[in-house]
Protein backbone atom coordinates (compact mmCIF):
# COMPACT_ATOMS: atom_id res chain seq x y z
CA MET A 1 -8.77 144.84 334.53
CA ALA A 2 -8.83 145.05 338.33
CA GLU A 3 -7.39 142.20 340.37
CA ARG A 4 -10.37 140.46 342.01
CA ARG A 5 -8.33 138.50 344.56
CA THR A 6 -7.10 141.55 346.51
CA ASN A 7 -8.77 143.82 349.05
CA ARG A 8 -11.15 141.12 350.31
CA THR A 9 -12.73 142.48 353.47
CA GLY A 10 -15.77 141.92 355.65
CA SER A 11 -18.34 139.39 354.54
CA SER A 12 -16.42 138.50 351.37
CA ARG A 13 -13.85 136.67 353.50
CA PHE A 14 -16.51 134.57 355.25
CA ARG A 15 -18.65 133.80 352.19
CA PRO A 16 -16.48 130.80 351.12
CA LEU A 17 -17.05 129.29 354.56
CA LEU A 18 -20.73 128.68 353.77
CA PRO A 19 -20.14 125.85 351.26
CA LEU A 20 -17.38 124.56 353.56
CA ALA A 21 -19.92 124.39 356.38
CA VAL A 22 -22.21 122.28 354.18
CA ILE A 23 -19.38 119.93 353.25
CA TRP A 24 -18.22 119.62 356.86
CA PHE A 25 -21.78 118.95 358.00
CA ALA A 26 -22.04 116.10 355.48
CA GLY A 27 -18.65 114.78 356.58
CA CYS A 28 -19.55 114.95 360.28
CA THR A 29 -22.87 113.22 359.57
CA LEU A 30 -21.00 110.38 357.88
CA LEU A 31 -18.58 110.08 360.81
CA VAL A 32 -21.44 110.00 363.31
CA VAL A 33 -23.12 107.21 361.33
CA LEU A 34 -19.86 105.27 361.36
CA MET A 35 -19.55 105.66 365.13
CA VAL A 36 -23.17 104.71 365.84
CA GLN A 37 -23.26 101.54 363.72
CA ARG A 38 -21.98 98.31 365.27
CA GLN A 39 -21.79 96.02 362.25
CA VAL A 40 -18.31 96.93 360.99
CA PRO A 41 -15.24 97.71 363.14
CA TYR A 42 -14.04 101.32 362.96
CA ASP A 43 -10.58 100.44 361.70
CA GLU A 44 -11.98 98.66 358.64
CA LEU A 45 -13.77 101.88 357.65
CA LEU A 46 -11.14 104.46 358.62
CA LEU A 47 -7.73 102.92 358.00
CA ASP A 48 -5.91 102.20 354.76
CA PRO A 49 -6.65 98.66 353.50
CA ASN A 50 -2.93 97.88 353.22
CA SER A 51 -2.44 98.73 356.91
CA ILE A 52 -5.31 96.47 357.95
CA ASN A 53 -4.16 93.54 355.84
CA ARG A 54 -0.47 94.14 356.68
CA VAL A 55 0.61 93.99 353.06
CA PRO A 56 3.31 96.07 351.30
CA TRP A 57 2.52 99.72 350.53
CA TYR A 58 2.57 99.09 346.78
CA THR A 59 -0.24 96.53 346.92
CA GLY A 60 -2.96 97.64 344.51
CA LEU A 61 -0.71 100.33 343.01
CA VAL A 62 -2.10 100.13 339.47
CA SER A 63 -5.67 99.92 340.79
CA ASN A 64 -5.14 103.05 342.90
CA LEU A 65 -3.63 104.90 339.96
CA GLY A 66 -6.66 103.90 337.92
CA ILE A 67 -8.95 105.41 340.59
CA LEU A 68 -6.96 108.64 340.35
CA GLY A 69 -7.46 108.53 336.59
CA TRP A 70 -11.23 108.13 336.96
CA THR A 71 -11.26 110.96 339.50
CA THR A 72 -9.28 113.24 337.19
CA ALA A 73 -11.67 112.57 334.32
CA THR A 74 -14.73 113.15 336.50
CA ALA A 75 -13.45 116.34 338.13
CA THR A 76 -12.29 117.92 334.87
CA GLY A 77 -15.52 116.84 333.18
CA PHE A 78 -17.61 118.71 335.73
CA PHE A 79 -15.23 121.67 335.55
CA GLY A 80 -15.55 121.71 331.77
CA TRP A 81 -19.35 121.55 332.15
CA TRP A 82 -19.31 124.62 334.43
CA LEU A 83 -16.88 126.45 332.17
CA ALA A 84 -18.90 125.75 329.03
CA ARG A 85 -22.07 126.98 330.71
CA TYR A 86 -20.26 130.12 331.87
CA GLY A 87 -19.07 130.74 328.31
CA GLY A 88 -22.50 130.17 326.75
CA ARG A 89 -21.53 126.86 325.10
CA ASN A 90 -24.71 125.08 326.13
CA ALA A 91 -24.38 122.08 323.81
CA ALA A 92 -20.81 121.46 324.94
CA ALA A 93 -21.88 121.87 328.57
CA THR A 94 -24.61 119.24 328.17
CA MET A 95 -22.20 116.80 326.55
CA LEU A 96 -19.52 117.27 329.20
CA GLY A 97 -22.00 117.17 332.07
CA ARG A 98 -23.48 113.88 330.93
CA GLY A 99 -20.01 112.51 330.28
CA ALA A 100 -18.96 113.51 333.81
CA VAL A 101 -21.99 111.69 335.25
CA LEU A 102 -21.05 108.59 333.26
CA SER A 103 -17.48 108.92 334.51
CA THR A 104 -18.79 109.19 338.09
CA ILE A 105 -20.69 105.92 337.67
CA LEU A 106 -17.61 104.16 336.32
CA LEU A 107 -15.46 105.65 339.09
CA LEU A 108 -17.80 104.35 341.80
CA ASP A 109 -17.99 100.97 340.09
CA ASP A 110 -14.21 100.59 340.01
CA LEU A 111 -13.71 102.02 343.51
CA PHE A 112 -16.31 99.82 345.23
CA GLN A 113 -16.33 96.94 342.70
CA LEU A 114 -20.05 97.38 342.16
CA HIS A 115 -20.09 95.03 339.16
CA VAL A 116 -19.09 92.27 341.57
CA ALA A 117 -21.19 93.37 344.55
CA VAL A 118 -24.49 93.47 342.62
CA LYS A 119 -24.56 89.70 342.17
CA PRO A 120 -25.05 88.78 345.84
CA LEU A 121 -27.19 91.87 346.47
CA LEU A 122 -29.40 91.96 343.37
CA GLY A 123 -28.65 88.69 341.64
CA LEU A 124 -27.24 90.44 338.56
CA SER A 125 -24.26 88.91 336.79
CA LYS A 126 -21.29 90.94 335.57
CA PRO A 127 -22.33 90.71 331.88
CA VAL A 128 -25.67 92.31 332.77
CA VAL A 129 -23.91 95.15 334.61
CA TYR A 130 -21.49 95.62 331.70
CA LEU A 131 -24.46 95.77 329.34
CA ALA A 132 -26.13 98.43 331.50
CA TYR A 133 -22.96 100.56 331.43
CA LEU A 134 -22.71 100.05 327.68
CA ILE A 135 -26.29 101.29 327.23
CA VAL A 136 -25.58 104.41 329.31
CA ALA A 137 -22.37 105.07 327.37
CA GLY A 138 -24.19 104.56 324.07
CA TRP A 139 -26.87 107.02 325.14
CA TRP A 140 -24.17 109.58 325.94
CA PHE A 141 -22.51 109.08 322.56
CA ALA A 142 -25.83 109.25 320.71
CA THR A 143 -27.15 112.38 322.43
CA GLY A 144 -23.88 114.26 322.23
CA ARG A 145 -22.50 112.96 318.94
CA GLU A 146 -22.35 116.39 317.27
CA GLU A 147 -20.35 117.92 320.10
CA ILE A 148 -18.25 114.80 320.60
CA ALA A 149 -17.34 114.90 316.89
CA ARG A 150 -15.80 118.34 317.48
CA THR A 151 -13.51 117.02 320.22
CA ARG A 152 -10.55 114.66 320.24
CA THR A 153 -12.50 111.56 319.28
CA GLU A 154 -9.34 109.52 318.74
CA LEU A 155 -8.87 109.47 322.52
CA LEU A 156 -12.41 108.18 323.04
CA LEU A 157 -11.88 105.50 320.40
CA ALA A 158 -8.63 104.42 322.08
CA SER A 159 -10.35 104.34 325.49
CA THR A 160 -13.32 102.37 324.12
CA ALA A 161 -11.04 99.82 322.46
CA ALA A 162 -9.05 99.34 325.66
CA PHE A 163 -12.18 98.92 327.79
CA ALA A 164 -13.59 96.46 325.28
CA GLY A 165 -10.37 94.45 325.47
CA SER A 166 -10.59 94.41 329.26
CA ILE A 167 -14.21 93.21 329.28
CA VAL A 168 -13.60 90.52 326.67
CA THR A 169 -10.55 89.27 328.54
CA ASP A 170 -12.51 89.22 331.79
CA GLN A 171 -15.19 87.02 330.21
CA VAL A 172 -13.18 84.66 328.01
CA GLY A 173 -9.52 85.39 328.83
CA ALA A 174 -8.77 82.03 330.43
CA ALA A 175 -10.17 80.25 327.38
CA LEU A 176 -7.83 82.01 324.97
CA PRO A 177 -5.00 79.84 323.62
CA GLY A 178 -1.63 80.39 325.25
CA ILE A 179 -3.01 82.47 328.15
CA ASP A 180 -3.28 81.13 331.70
CA GLN A 181 -5.29 82.68 334.54
CA ALA A 182 -2.47 84.99 335.64
CA GLY A 183 -1.88 86.15 332.08
CA ALA A 184 -5.57 86.81 331.58
CA LEU A 185 -5.68 88.91 334.77
CA LEU A 186 -2.66 90.91 333.65
CA LEU A 187 -4.13 91.54 330.21
CA GLU A 188 -7.55 92.48 331.63
CA ASP A 189 -6.21 95.01 334.13
CA ALA A 190 -3.64 96.39 331.69
CA CYS A 191 -6.34 97.12 329.13
CA LYS A 192 -8.55 98.74 331.77
CA PHE A 193 -5.69 100.90 333.07
CA LEU A 194 -4.79 102.10 329.56
CA GLY A 195 -8.46 102.82 328.91
CA VAL A 196 -8.71 104.93 332.06
CA LEU A 197 -5.63 106.93 331.04
CA ALA A 198 -7.14 107.69 327.63
CA TRP A 199 -10.51 108.51 329.23
CA ALA A 200 -8.91 110.97 331.65
CA GLN A 201 -6.84 112.57 328.90
CA TYR A 202 -9.97 113.08 326.81
CA PHE A 203 -11.78 115.06 329.49
CA VAL A 204 -8.69 117.05 330.46
CA LEU A 205 -7.92 118.10 326.90
CA THR A 206 -11.57 118.70 325.98
CA SER A 207 -12.05 121.00 328.97
CA SER A 208 -8.75 122.70 328.16
CA ASP A 209 -9.80 123.25 324.53
CA ILE A 210 -13.10 124.79 325.61
CA MET A 211 -11.35 127.05 328.10
CA GLU A 212 -8.86 128.19 325.46
CA SER A 213 -11.70 128.90 323.01
CA ILE A 214 -13.65 130.94 325.56
CA VAL A 215 -10.58 132.92 326.66
CA THR A 216 -9.68 133.65 323.03
CA GLU A 217 -13.22 134.86 322.36
CA LEU A 218 -13.20 137.09 325.45
CA ARG A 219 -9.84 138.55 324.49
CA ALA A 220 -11.10 139.34 321.00
CA GLU A 221 -14.19 141.04 322.43
CA ARG A 222 -12.02 143.02 324.85
CA SER A 223 -9.69 144.05 322.03
CA GLN A 224 -12.59 145.26 319.92
CA ALA A 225 -14.01 147.18 322.87
CA ASP A 226 -10.63 148.84 323.50
CA LYS A 227 -10.37 149.83 319.85
CA ALA A 228 -13.86 151.31 319.97
CA ASP A 229 -12.99 153.27 323.12
CA ARG A 230 -9.81 154.63 321.56
CA SER A 231 -11.70 155.59 318.41
CA THR A 232 -14.34 157.41 320.47
CA THR A 233 -11.66 159.21 322.47
CA THR A 234 -9.86 160.31 319.28
CA ASP A 235 -13.09 161.58 317.70
CA THR A 236 -13.93 163.50 320.87
CA ALA A 237 -10.47 165.09 320.95
CA ARG A 238 -10.71 166.11 317.30
CA ALA A 239 -14.13 167.59 317.86
CA SER A 240 -12.87 169.66 320.78
CA VAL A 241 -10.07 171.08 318.63
């Protein structure tokens, strides 16, 4: 098989710049909006929060690692969706695509604390937001249950249990016997962090399993094609003799 990454000349070298131009245009548009607005100081939007608040670099360490976990799950979920579509695994692609969208929602919620911000903006309490996320997650499970059953469901179960523990602790943690406010916060965030790790691992391994399956199938097809070519060549040689 020819190496596709070599001998790139002419327009093929500039073609990748087209999507980059779109991304840069969106980025420049955002920066222009930030410069034009006068409601929020620039430094609060551009600088690292720890630099603004003059707190140690490790402030929010676990929270930041959790955001990286959500991002990993979301990125690999969308990659798995593309890969499954490319390999003709349409059902798997639908399941992973919807899961990646759900992961995007949860990522944005954790990054911008949407479950807290909606109360002053929309008057919705955190339990209502949690219920909405639960409905979306249940819809994903229900519509993709056949494909999900073929994946590493134990990771999803572990993630679900950890998230459930975090939500329960958030709502009633301080009322639990032997747990003060600090202990409830530690338990809540610990459960959420462990849930994110399991969630990310699920999407990474599921996408990896699909990729391995597709590559194995392609190799088998290539091997059969090579055998057929060799057989045809041998028959032709015998016929010429």
